[in-house]
Amino acid sequence: MAKFLLWCILLALCWPLALVALVLYPIVWLFLLPFRIVGIAVGSVLVLVWALVMLPARVLEKVV
C-alpha cells in the first residue's frame, strides 16, 4: 500500500518519471528474484548448520 501511495505522489509531481518507474519495476523485480532465492537458500543452510552444531548441547541438556 505504501508503494502505491508513493507512486501516486510521484505521479502527481512528475508523471513521466512515474510512468518510467511503473515500467521498470517488474523488470527490476525479475532481475533481483535470483538473488532473493539465493538468500533464502543460504539462510536455510545456515539454520541447518546451526542446528547441527547445537545438537550435542541440546541432547546433553535433555539427558542431564
PDB file of N, CA and C in Angstrom:
ATOM      1  N   MET A   1       0.821  -1.192   0.000  1.00  0.00           N
ATOM      2  CA  MET A   1       0.000   0.000   0.000  1.00  0.00           C
ATOM      3  C   MET A   1       0.868   1.260   0.000  1.00  0.00           C
ATOM      4  N   ALA A   2       1.965   1.186   0.758  1.00  0.00           N
ATOM      5  CA  ALA A   2       2.850   2.347   0.835  1.00  0.00           C
ATOM      6  C   ALA A   2       3.497   2.631  -0.520  1.00  0.00           C
ATOM      7  N   LYS A   3       3.867   1.554  -1.231  1.00  0.00           N
ATOM      8  CA  LYS A   3       4.472   1.752  -2.551  1.00  0.00           C
ATOM      9  C   LYS A   3       3.483   2.413  -3.501  1.00  0.00           C
ATOM     10  N   PHE A   4       2.234   2.006  -3.410  1.00  0.00           N
ATOM     11  CA  PHE A   4       1.213   2.601  -4.273  1.00  0.00           C
ATOM     12  C   PHE A   4       1.012   4.076  -3.948  1.00  0.00           C
ATOM     13  N   LEU A   5       0.966   4.419  -2.675  1.00  0.00           N
ATOM     14  CA  LEU A   5       0.805   5.822  -2.287  1.00  0.00           C
ATOM     15  C   LEU A   5       1.999   6.665  -2.724  1.00  0.00           C
ATOM     16  N   LEU A   6       3.203   6.108  -2.574  1.00  0.00           N
ATOM     17  CA  LEU A   6       4.384   6.835  -3.039  1.00  0.00           C
ATOM     18  C   LEU A   6       4.350   7.022  -4.554  1.00  0.00           C
ATOM     19  N   TRP A   7       3.866   5.996  -5.260  1.00  0.00           N
ATOM     20  CA  TRP A   7       3.768   6.117  -6.709  1.00  0.00           C
ATOM     21  C   TRP A   7       2.731   7.168  -7.099  1.00  0.00           C
ATOM     22  N   CYS A   8       1.619   7.238  -6.360  1.00  0.00           N
ATOM     23  CA  CYS A   8       0.598   8.263  -6.639  1.00  0.00           C
ATOM     24  C   CYS A   8       1.149   9.666  -6.420  1.00  0.00           C
ATOM     25  N   ILE A   9       1.939   9.837  -5.371  1.00  0.00           N
ATOM     26  CA  ILE A   9       2.559  11.139  -5.118  1.00  0.00           C
ATOM     27  C   ILE A   9       3.530  11.473  -6.251  1.00  0.00           C
ATOM     28  N   LEU A  10       4.315  10.472  -6.676  1.00  0.00           N
ATOM     29  CA  LEU A  10       5.236  10.697  -7.782  1.00  0.00           C
ATOM     30  C   LEU A  10       4.480  11.016  -9.067  1.00  0.00           C
ATOM     31  N   LEU A  11       3.339  10.364  -9.267  1.00  0.00           N
ATOM     32  CA  LEU A  11       2.525  10.638 -10.449  1.00  0.00           C
ATOM     33  C   LEU A  11       2.019  12.079 -10.438  1.00  0.00           C
ATOM     34  N   ALA A  12       1.646  12.561  -9.281  1.00  0.00           N
ATOM     35  CA  ALA A  12       1.153  13.931  -9.186  1.00  0.00           C
ATOM     36  C   ALA A  12       2.281  14.951  -9.390  1.00  0.00           C
ATOM     37  N   LEU A  13       3.484  14.602  -8.945  1.00  0.00           N
ATOM     38  CA  LEU A  13       4.594  15.543  -9.036  1.00  0.00           C
ATOM     39  C   LEU A  13       5.295  15.498 -10.393  1.00  0.00           C
ATOM     40  N   CYS A  14       5.536  14.290 -10.885  1.00  0.00           N
ATOM     41  CA  CYS A  14       6.289  14.147 -12.136  1.00  0.00           C
ATOM     42  C   CYS A  14       5.804  12.887 -12.843  1.00  0.00           C
ATOM     43  N   TRP A  15       4.801  13.039 -13.700  1.00  0.00           N
ATOM     44  CA  TRP A  15       4.172  11.872 -14.309  1.00  0.00           C
ATOM     45  C   TRP A  15       5.083  11.091 -15.252  1.00  0.00           C
ATOM     46  N   PRO A  16       6.045  11.717 -15.978  1.00  0.00           N
ATOM     47  CA  PRO A  16       6.914  10.872 -16.816  1.00  0.00           C
ATOM     48  C   PRO A  16       7.790   9.922 -15.984  1.00  0.00           C
ATOM     49  N   LEU A  17       8.288  10.436 -14.880  1.00  0.00           N
ATOM     50  CA  LEU A  17       9.104   9.591 -14.003  1.00  0.00           C
ATOM     51  C   LEU A  17       8.267   8.474 -13.391  1.00  0.00           C
ATOM     52  N   ALA A  18       7.025   8.757 -13.063  1.00  0.00           N
ATOM     53  CA  ALA A  18       6.137   7.738 -12.512  1.00  0.00           C
ATOM     54  C   ALA A  18       5.859   6.645 -13.532  1.00  0.00           C
ATOM     55  N   LEU A  19       5.691   7.009 -14.793  1.00  0.00           N
ATOM     56  CA  LEU A  19       5.466   6.007 -15.830  1.00  0.00           C
ATOM     57  C   LEU A  19       6.711   5.161 -16.069  1.00  0.00           C
ATOM     58  N   VAL A  20       7.874   5.772 -16.013  1.00  0.00           N
ATOM     59  CA  VAL A  20       9.124   5.014 -16.152  1.00  0.00           C
ATOM     60  C   VAL A  20       9.261   4.043 -14.983  1.00  0.00           C
ATOM     61  N   ALA A  21       8.944   4.495 -13.789  1.00  0.00           N
ATOM     62  CA  ALA A  21       9.007   3.613 -12.619  1.00  0.00           C
ATOM     63  C   ALA A  21       8.013   2.465 -12.754  1.00  0.00           C
ATOM     64  N   LEU A  22       6.859   2.740 -13.297  1.00  0.00           N
ATOM     65  CA  LEU A  22       5.835   1.710 -13.486  1.00  0.00           C
ATOM     66  C   LEU A  22       6.303   0.650 -14.473  1.00  0.00           C
ATOM     67  N   VAL A  23       7.047   1.039 -15.491  1.00  0.00           N
ATOM     68  CA  VAL A  23       7.547   0.090 -16.486  1.00  0.00           C
ATOM     69  C   VAL A  23       8.766  -0.670 -15.952  1.00  0.00           C
ATOM     70  N   LEU A  24       9.652   0.024 -15.233  1.00  0.00           N
ATOM     71  CA  LEU A  24      10.894  -0.599 -14.780  1.00  0.00           C
ATOM     72  C   LEU A  24      10.725  -1.484 -13.548  1.00  0.00           C
ATOM     73  N   TYR A  25       9.691  -1.276 -12.752  1.00  0.00           N
ATOM     74  CA  TYR A  25       9.524  -2.038 -11.505  1.00  0.00           C
ATOM     75  C   TYR A  25       9.472  -3.547 -11.749  1.00  0.00           C
ATOM     76  N   PRO A  26       8.668  -4.055 -12.703  1.00  0.00           N
ATOM     77  CA  PRO A  26       8.665  -5.508 -12.923  1.00  0.00           C
ATOM     78  C   PRO A  26       9.996  -6.036 -13.449  1.00  0.00           C
ATOM     79  N   ILE A  27      10.693  -5.244 -14.250  1.00  0.00           N
ATOM     80  CA  ILE A  27      11.987  -5.670 -14.785  1.00  0.00           C
ATOM     81  C   ILE A  27      13.008  -5.781 -13.654  1.00  0.00           C
ATOM     82  N   VAL A  28      13.042  -4.808 -12.779  1.00  0.00           N
ATOM     83  CA  VAL A  28      13.958  -4.842 -11.637  1.00  0.00           C
ATOM     84  C   VAL A  28      13.592  -5.993 -10.707  1.00  0.00           C
ATOM     85  N   TRP A  29      12.307  -6.238 -10.503  1.00  0.00           N
ATOM     86  CA  TRP A  29      11.860  -7.346  -9.650  1.00  0.00           C
ATOM     87  C   TRP A  29      12.330  -8.678 -10.223  1.00  0.00           C
ATOM     88  N   LEU A  30      12.204  -8.855 -11.540  1.00  0.00           N
ATOM     89  CA  LEU A  30      12.663 -10.094 -12.170  1.00  0.00           C
ATOM     90  C   LEU A  30      14.180 -10.231 -12.085  1.00  0.00           C
ATOM     91  N   PHE A  31      14.894  -9.126 -12.202  1.00  0.00           N
ATOM     92  CA  PHE A  31      16.351  -9.162 -12.101  1.00  0.00           C
ATOM     93  C   PHE A  31      16.801  -9.545 -10.689  1.00  0.00           C
ATOM     94  N   LEU A  32      16.105  -9.076  -9.661  1.00  0.00           N
ATOM     95  CA  LEU A  32      16.500  -9.341  -8.281  1.00  0.00           C
ATOM     96  C   LEU A  32      15.978 -10.663  -7.739  1.00  0.00           C
ATOM     97  N   LEU A  33      15.072 -11.328  -8.443  1.00  0.00           N
ATOM     98  CA  LEU A  33      14.489 -12.580  -7.971  1.00  0.00           C
ATOM     99  C   LEU A  33      15.528 -13.671  -7.713  1.00  0.00           C
ATOM    100  N   PRO A  34      16.503 -13.902  -8.592  1.00  0.00           N
ATOM    101  CA  PRO A  34      17.503 -14.941  -8.273  1.00  0.00           C
ATOM    102  C   PRO A  34      18.291 -14.645  -7.000  1.00  0.00           C
ATOM    103  N   PHE A  35      18.589 -13.373  -6.755  1.00  0.00           N
ATOM    104  CA  PHE A  35      19.313 -13.025  -5.535  1.00  0.00           C
ATOM    105  C   PHE A  35      18.471 -13.315  -4.297  1.00  0.00           C
ATOM    106  N   ARG A  36      17.174 -13.096  -4.395  1.00  0.00           N
ATOM    107  CA  ARG A  36      16.279 -13.391  -3.283  1.00  0.00           C
ATOM    108  C   ARG A  36      16.225 -14.894  -3.024  1.00  0.00           C
ATOM    109  N   ILE A  37      16.183 -15.690  -4.100  1.00  0.00           N
ATOM    110  CA  ILE A  37      16.160 -17.147  -3.962  1.00  0.00           C
ATOM    111  C   ILE A  37      17.465 -17.647  -3.341  1.00  0.00           C
ATOM    112  N   VAL A  38      18.592 -17.104  -3.779  1.00  0.00           N
ATOM    113  CA  VAL A  38      19.883 -17.483  -3.200  1.00  0.00           C
ATOM    114  C   VAL A  38      19.932 -17.094  -1.721  1.00  0.00           C
ATOM    115  N   GLY A  39      19.394 -15.949  -1.373  1.00  0.00           N
ATOM    116  CA  GLY A  39      19.366 -15.530   0.027  1.00  0.00           C
ATOM    117  C   GLY A  39      18.547 -16.471   0.892  1.00  0.00           C
ATOM    118  N   ILE A  40      17.420 -16.927   0.387  1.00  0.00           N
ATOM    119  CA  ILE A  40      16.601 -17.882   1.128  1.00  0.00           C
ATOM    120  C   ILE A  40      17.350 -19.194   1.304  1.00  0.00           C
ATOM    121  N   ALA A  41      18.016 -19.666   0.241  1.00  0.00           N
ATOM    122  CA  ALA A  41      18.764 -20.918   0.314  1.00  0.00           C
ATOM    123  C   ALA A  41      19.928 -20.810   1.300  1.00  0.00           C
ATOM    124  N   VAL A  42      20.677 -19.726   1.255  1.00  0.00           N
ATOM    125  CA  VAL A  42      21.812 -19.550   2.169  1.00  0.00           C
ATOM    126  C   VAL A  42      21.321 -19.460   3.613  1.00  0.00           C
ATOM    127  N   GLY A  43      20.229 -18.751   3.832  1.00  0.00           N
ATOM    128  CA  GLY A  43      19.673 -18.667   5.182  1.00  0.00           C
ATOM    129  C   GLY A  43      19.244 -20.031   5.702  1.00  0.00           C
ATOM    130  N   SER A  44      18.653 -20.851   4.846  1.00  0.00           N
ATOM    131  CA  SER A  44      18.234 -22.186   5.246  1.00  0.00           C
ATOM    132  C   SER A  44      19.437 -23.061   5.589  1.00  0.00           C
ATOM    133  N   VAL A  45      20.487 -22.964   4.789  1.00  0.00           N
ATOM    134  CA  VAL A  45      21.694 -23.746   5.070  1.00  0.00           C
ATOM    135  C   VAL A  45      22.319 -23.308   6.387  1.00  0.00           C
ATOM    136  N   LEU A  46      22.355 -22.018   6.648  1.00  0.00           N
ATOM    137  CA  LEU A  46      22.928 -21.534   7.906  1.00  0.00           C
ATOM    138  C   LEU A  46      22.109 -22.003   9.103  1.00  0.00           C
ATOM    139  N   VAL A  47      20.790 -22.038   8.980  1.00  0.00           N
ATOM    140  CA  VAL A  47      19.949 -22.544  10.065  1.00  0.00           C
ATOM    141  C   VAL A  47      20.216 -24.027  10.283  1.00  0.00           C
ATOM    142  N   LEU A  48      20.375 -24.788   9.208  1.00  0.00           N
ATOM    143  CA  LEU A  48      20.669 -26.214   9.321  1.00  0.00           C
ATOM    144  C   LEU A  48      22.012 -26.453   9.996  1.00  0.00           C
ATOM    145  N   VAL A  49      23.032 -25.703   9.593  1.00  0.00           N
ATOM    146  CA  VAL A  49      24.357 -25.849  10.210  1.00  0.00           C
ATOM    147  C   VAL A  49      24.290 -25.482  11.684  1.00  0.00           C
ATOM    148  N   TRP A  50      23.581 -24.423  12.021  1.00  0.00           N
ATOM    149  CA  TRP A  50      23.456 -24.022  13.428  1.00  0.00           C
ATOM    150  C   TRP A  50      22.747 -25.108  14.238  1.00  0.00           C
ATOM    151  N   ALA A  51      21.720 -25.729  13.665  1.00  0.00           N
ATOM    152  CA  ALA A  51      21.015 -26.803  14.355  1.00  0.00           C
ATOM    153  C   ALA A  51      21.932 -28.003  14.566  1.00  0.00           C
ATOM    154  N   LEU A  52      22.770 -28.321  13.581  1.00  0.00           N
ATOM    155  CA  LEU A  52      23.707 -29.442  13.733  1.00  0.00           C
ATOM    156  C   LEU A  52      24.784 -29.136  14.771  1.00  0.00           C
ATOM    157  N   VAL A  53      25.242 -27.902  14.823  1.00  0.00           N
ATOM    158  CA  VAL A  53      26.258 -27.527  15.817  1.00  0.00           C
ATOM    159  C   VAL A  53      25.662 -27.577  17.223  1.00  0.00           C
ATOM    160  N   MET A  54      24.422 -27.164  17.369  1.00  0.00           N
ATOM    161  CA  MET A  54      23.794 -27.114  18.695  1.00  0.00           C
ATOM    162  C   MET A  54      23.187 -28.452  19.127  1.00  0.00           C
ATOM    163  N   LEU A  55      23.160 -29.443  18.226  1.00  0.00           N
ATOM    164  CA  LEU A  55      22.530 -30.720  18.545  1.00  0.00           C
ATOM    165  C   LEU A  55      23.159 -31.412  19.757  1.00  0.00           C
ATOM    166  N   PRO A  56      24.497 -31.510  19.864  1.00  0.00           N
ATOM    167  CA  PRO A  56      25.052 -32.164  21.058  1.00  0.00           C
ATOM    168  C   PRO A  56      24.664 -31.453  22.358  1.00  0.00           C
ATOM    169  N   ALA A  57      24.653 -30.143  22.344  1.00  0.00           N
ATOM    170  CA  ALA A  57      24.283 -29.397  23.554  1.00  0.00           C
ATOM    171  C   ALA A  57      22.826 -29.653  23.917  1.00  0.00           C
ATOM    172  N   ARG A  58      21.962 -29.738  22.938  1.00  0.00           N
ATOM    173  CA  ARG A  58      20.542 -29.992  23.214  1.00  0.00           C
ATOM    174  C   ARG A  58      20.324 -31.412  23.732  1.00  0.00           C
ATOM    175  N   VAL A  59      21.105 -32.364  23.178  1.00  0.00           N
ATOM    176  CA  VAL A  59      20.992 -33.752  23.651  1.00  0.00           C
ATOM    177  C   VAL A  59      21.482 -33.857  25.097  1.00  0.00           C
ATOM    178  N   LEU A  60      22.618 -33.213  25.390  1.00  0.00           N
ATOM    179  CA  LEU A  60      23.127 -33.229  26.773  1.00  0.00           C
ATOM    180  C   LEU A  60      22.170 -32.530  27.732  1.00  0.00           C
ATOM    181  N   GLU A  61      21.518 -31.504  27.274  1.00  0.00           N
ATOM    182  CA  GLU A  61      20.556 -30.777  28.110  1.00  0.00           C
ATOM    183  C   GLU A  61      19.384 -31.673  28.467  1.00  0.00           C
ATOM    184  N   LYS A  62      18.938 -32.506  27.531  1.00  0.00           N
ATOM    185  CA  LYS A  62      17.826 -33.413  27.800  1.00  0.00           C
ATOM    186  C   LYS A  62      18.236 -34.544  28.742  1.00  0.00           C
ATOM    187  N   VAL A  63      19.478 -35.006  28.608  1.00  0.00           N
ATOM    188  CA  VAL A  63      19.947 -36.119  29.425  1.00  0.00           C
ATOM    189  C   VAL A  63      20.166 -35.688  30.867  1.00  0.00           C
ATOM    190  N   VAL A  64      20.736 -34.514  31.049  1.00  0.00           N
ATOM    191  CA  VAL A  64      21.069 -34.052  32.407  1.00  0.00           C
ATOM    192  C   VAL A  64      19.903 -33.469  33.094  1.00  0.00           C
TER     193      VAL A  64
END
